[in-house]
Amino acid sequence: EAMKLAAKIETLEVVIKVKVGEKGRLFGSVTNKEIADVLEKEYQLKLDKRKIEIKEPFKSLGEYEATVKLHPEVTANMKIKVETV
């Protein structure tokens, strides 16, 4: 089950729309909670935000990667694109 979910997650490109100030800096940052919310809303995937690992909150526009721990032996890498609203 976890392997199937990992395969599905790795095919996704999650797009998070945010408001930006001058020079492309975000108002605040994108955290694992926002990522979990978008996964649930857009893809009907309910993941615990604590299972989504990011090195640090995203503070500017661009493409990032996050790791999702689905099981002690199963992880998936997910592409995340942060864009303006």
C-alpha atoms as a PDB file:
ATOM      1  CA  GLU A   1       0.000   0.000   0.000  1.00  0.00           C
ATOM      2  CA  ALA A   2       2.773   2.432   0.942  1.00  0.00           C
ATOM      3  CA  MET A   3       4.691   1.543  -2.231  1.00  0.00           C
ATOM      4  CA  LYS A   4       1.650   2.394  -4.405  1.00  0.00           C
ATOM      5  CA  LEU A   5       1.205   5.714  -2.612  1.00  0.00           C
ATOM      6  CA  ALA A   6       4.927   6.485  -2.999  1.00  0.00           C
ATOM      7  CA  ALA A   7       4.719   5.852  -6.755  1.00  0.00           C
ATOM      8  CA  LYS A   8       1.704   8.169  -7.016  1.00  0.00           C
ATOM      9  CA  ILE A   9       3.381  10.928  -4.973  1.00  0.00           C
ATOM     10  CA  GLU A  10       6.534  10.815  -7.095  1.00  0.00           C
ATOM     11  CA  THR A  11       4.502  11.550 -10.252  1.00  0.00           C
ATOM     12  CA  LEU A  12       2.886  14.661  -8.759  1.00  0.00           C
ATOM     13  CA  GLU A  13       4.077  18.202  -9.248  1.00  0.00           C
ATOM     14  CA  VAL A  14       2.461  20.143  -6.442  1.00  0.00           C
ATOM     15  CA  VAL A  15       1.868  23.817  -7.230  1.00  0.00           C
ATOM     16  CA  ILE A  16       1.485  26.201  -4.322  1.00  0.00           C
ATOM     17  CA  LYS A  17       0.197  29.694  -5.116  1.00  0.00           C
ATOM     18  CA  VAL A  18       1.437  32.473  -2.828  1.00  0.00           C
ATOM     19  CA  LYS A  19       1.474  36.249  -2.599  1.00  0.00           C
ATOM     20  CA  VAL A  20       4.851  37.859  -3.140  1.00  0.00           C
ATOM     21  CA  GLY A  21       6.394  41.205  -2.343  1.00  0.00           C
ATOM     22  CA  GLU A  22       9.105  42.986  -4.228  1.00  0.00           C
ATOM     23  CA  LYS A  23      12.056  40.958  -5.541  1.00  0.00           C
ATOM     24  CA  GLY A  24       9.963  37.766  -5.465  1.00  0.00           C
ATOM     25  CA  ARG A  25      10.128  37.350  -1.688  1.00  0.00           C
ATOM     26  CA  LEU A  26       7.128  35.609  -0.144  1.00  0.00           C
ATOM     27  CA  PHE A  27       4.947  37.077   2.561  1.00  0.00           C
ATOM     28  CA  GLY A  28       5.834  34.496   5.200  1.00  0.00           C
ATOM     29  CA  SER A  29       6.968  31.095   3.938  1.00  0.00           C
ATOM     30  CA  VAL A  30       5.640  27.791   2.634  1.00  0.00           C
ATOM     31  CA  THR A  31       5.737  25.059   5.276  1.00  0.00           C
ATOM     32  CA  ASN A  32       4.928  21.365   5.355  1.00  0.00           C
ATOM     33  CA  LYS A  33       1.414  22.252   6.599  1.00  0.00           C
ATOM     34  CA  GLU A  34       0.630  24.197   3.400  1.00  0.00           C
ATOM     35  CA  ILE A  35       1.986  21.314   1.349  1.00  0.00           C
ATOM     36  CA  ALA A  36      -0.262  18.840   3.213  1.00  0.00           C
ATOM     37  CA  ASP A  37      -3.280  21.147   2.712  1.00  0.00           C
ATOM     38  CA  VAL A  38      -2.681  21.384  -1.065  1.00  0.00           C
ATOM     39  CA  LEU A  39      -2.228  17.599  -1.347  1.00  0.00           C
ATOM     40  CA  GLU A  40      -5.554  17.033   0.382  1.00  0.00           C
ATOM     41  CA  LYS A  41      -7.456  19.720  -1.547  1.00  0.00           C
ATOM     42  CA  GLU A  42      -6.041  19.134  -5.039  1.00  0.00           C
ATOM     43  CA  TYR A  43      -5.207  15.401  -5.020  1.00  0.00           C
ATOM     44  CA  GLN A  44      -7.393  13.967  -2.212  1.00  0.00           C
ATOM     45  CA  LEU A  45      -4.264  12.680  -0.468  1.00  0.00           C
ATOM     46  CA  LYS A  46      -4.507  13.022   3.288  1.00  0.00           C
ATOM     47  CA  LEU A  47      -0.979  13.054   4.699  1.00  0.00           C
ATOM     48  CA  ASP A  48       0.162  14.043   8.153  1.00  0.00           C
ATOM     49  CA  LYS A  49       2.215  17.231   7.872  1.00  0.00           C
ATOM     50  CA  ARG A  50       4.850  15.649  10.149  1.00  0.00           C
ATOM     51  CA  LYS A  51       5.543  13.021   7.476  1.00  0.00           C
ATOM     52  CA  ILE A  52       6.449  15.717   4.931  1.00  0.00           C
ATOM     53  CA  GLU A  53      10.072  16.731   5.383  1.00  0.00           C
ATOM     54  CA  ILE A  54      11.538  19.901   3.930  1.00  0.00           C
ATOM     55  CA  LYS A  55      15.016  21.196   4.691  1.00  0.00           C
ATOM     56  CA  GLU A  56      13.641  24.619   5.603  1.00  0.00           C
ATOM     57  CA  PRO A  57      10.465  26.597   4.818  1.00  0.00           C
ATOM     58  CA  PHE A  58      10.431  27.950   1.251  1.00  0.00           C
ATOM     59  CA  LYS A  59      10.865  31.727   1.259  1.00  0.00           C
ATOM     60  CA  SER A  60      11.040  32.497  -2.473  1.00  0.00           C
ATOM     61  CA  LEU A  61       9.487  31.428  -5.770  1.00  0.00           C
ATOM     62  CA  GLY A  62      10.886  28.407  -7.546  1.00  0.00           C
ATOM     63  CA  GLU A  63      11.011  24.630  -7.548  1.00  0.00           C
ATOM     64  CA  TYR A  64      11.777  22.575  -4.479  1.00  0.00           C
ATOM     65  CA  GLU A  65      11.783  18.977  -3.320  1.00  0.00           C
ATOM     66  CA  ALA A  66      10.257  17.438  -0.241  1.00  0.00           C
ATOM     67  CA  THR A  67      10.560  13.942   1.164  1.00  0.00           C
ATOM     68  CA  VAL A  68       7.473  12.102   2.380  1.00  0.00           C
ATOM     69  CA  LYS A  69       7.925   9.301   4.917  1.00  0.00           C
ATOM     70  CA  LEU A  70       5.088   6.872   4.304  1.00  0.00           C
ATOM     71  CA  HIS A  71       6.480   3.915   6.227  1.00  0.00           C
ATOM     72  CA  PRO A  72       9.756   3.230   8.066  1.00  0.00           C
ATOM     73  CA  GLU A  73      11.117   1.644   4.861  1.00  0.00           C
ATOM     74  CA  VAL A  74       9.215   3.676   2.231  1.00  0.00           C
ATOM     75  CA  THR A  75       9.880   7.302   1.311  1.00  0.00           C
ATOM     76  CA  ALA A  76       8.873   9.332  -1.730  1.00  0.00           C
ATOM     77  CA  ASN A  77      10.357  12.484  -3.233  1.00  0.00           C
ATOM     78  CA  MET A  78       7.874  15.114  -4.300  1.00  0.00           C
ATOM     79  CA  LYS A  79       8.375  18.122  -6.578  1.00  0.00           C
ATOM     80  CA  ILE A  80       6.903  21.383  -5.336  1.00  0.00           C
ATOM     81  CA  LYS A  81       6.581  24.521  -7.417  1.00  0.00           C
ATOM     82  CA  VAL A  82       5.978  27.819  -5.630  1.00  0.00           C
ATOM     83  CA  GLU A  83       4.279  30.375  -7.914  1.00  0.00           C
ATOM     84  CA  THR A  84       2.593  33.754  -7.591  1.00  0.00           C
ATOM     85  CA  VAL A  85      -1.180  33.946  -7.207  1.00  0.00           C
END
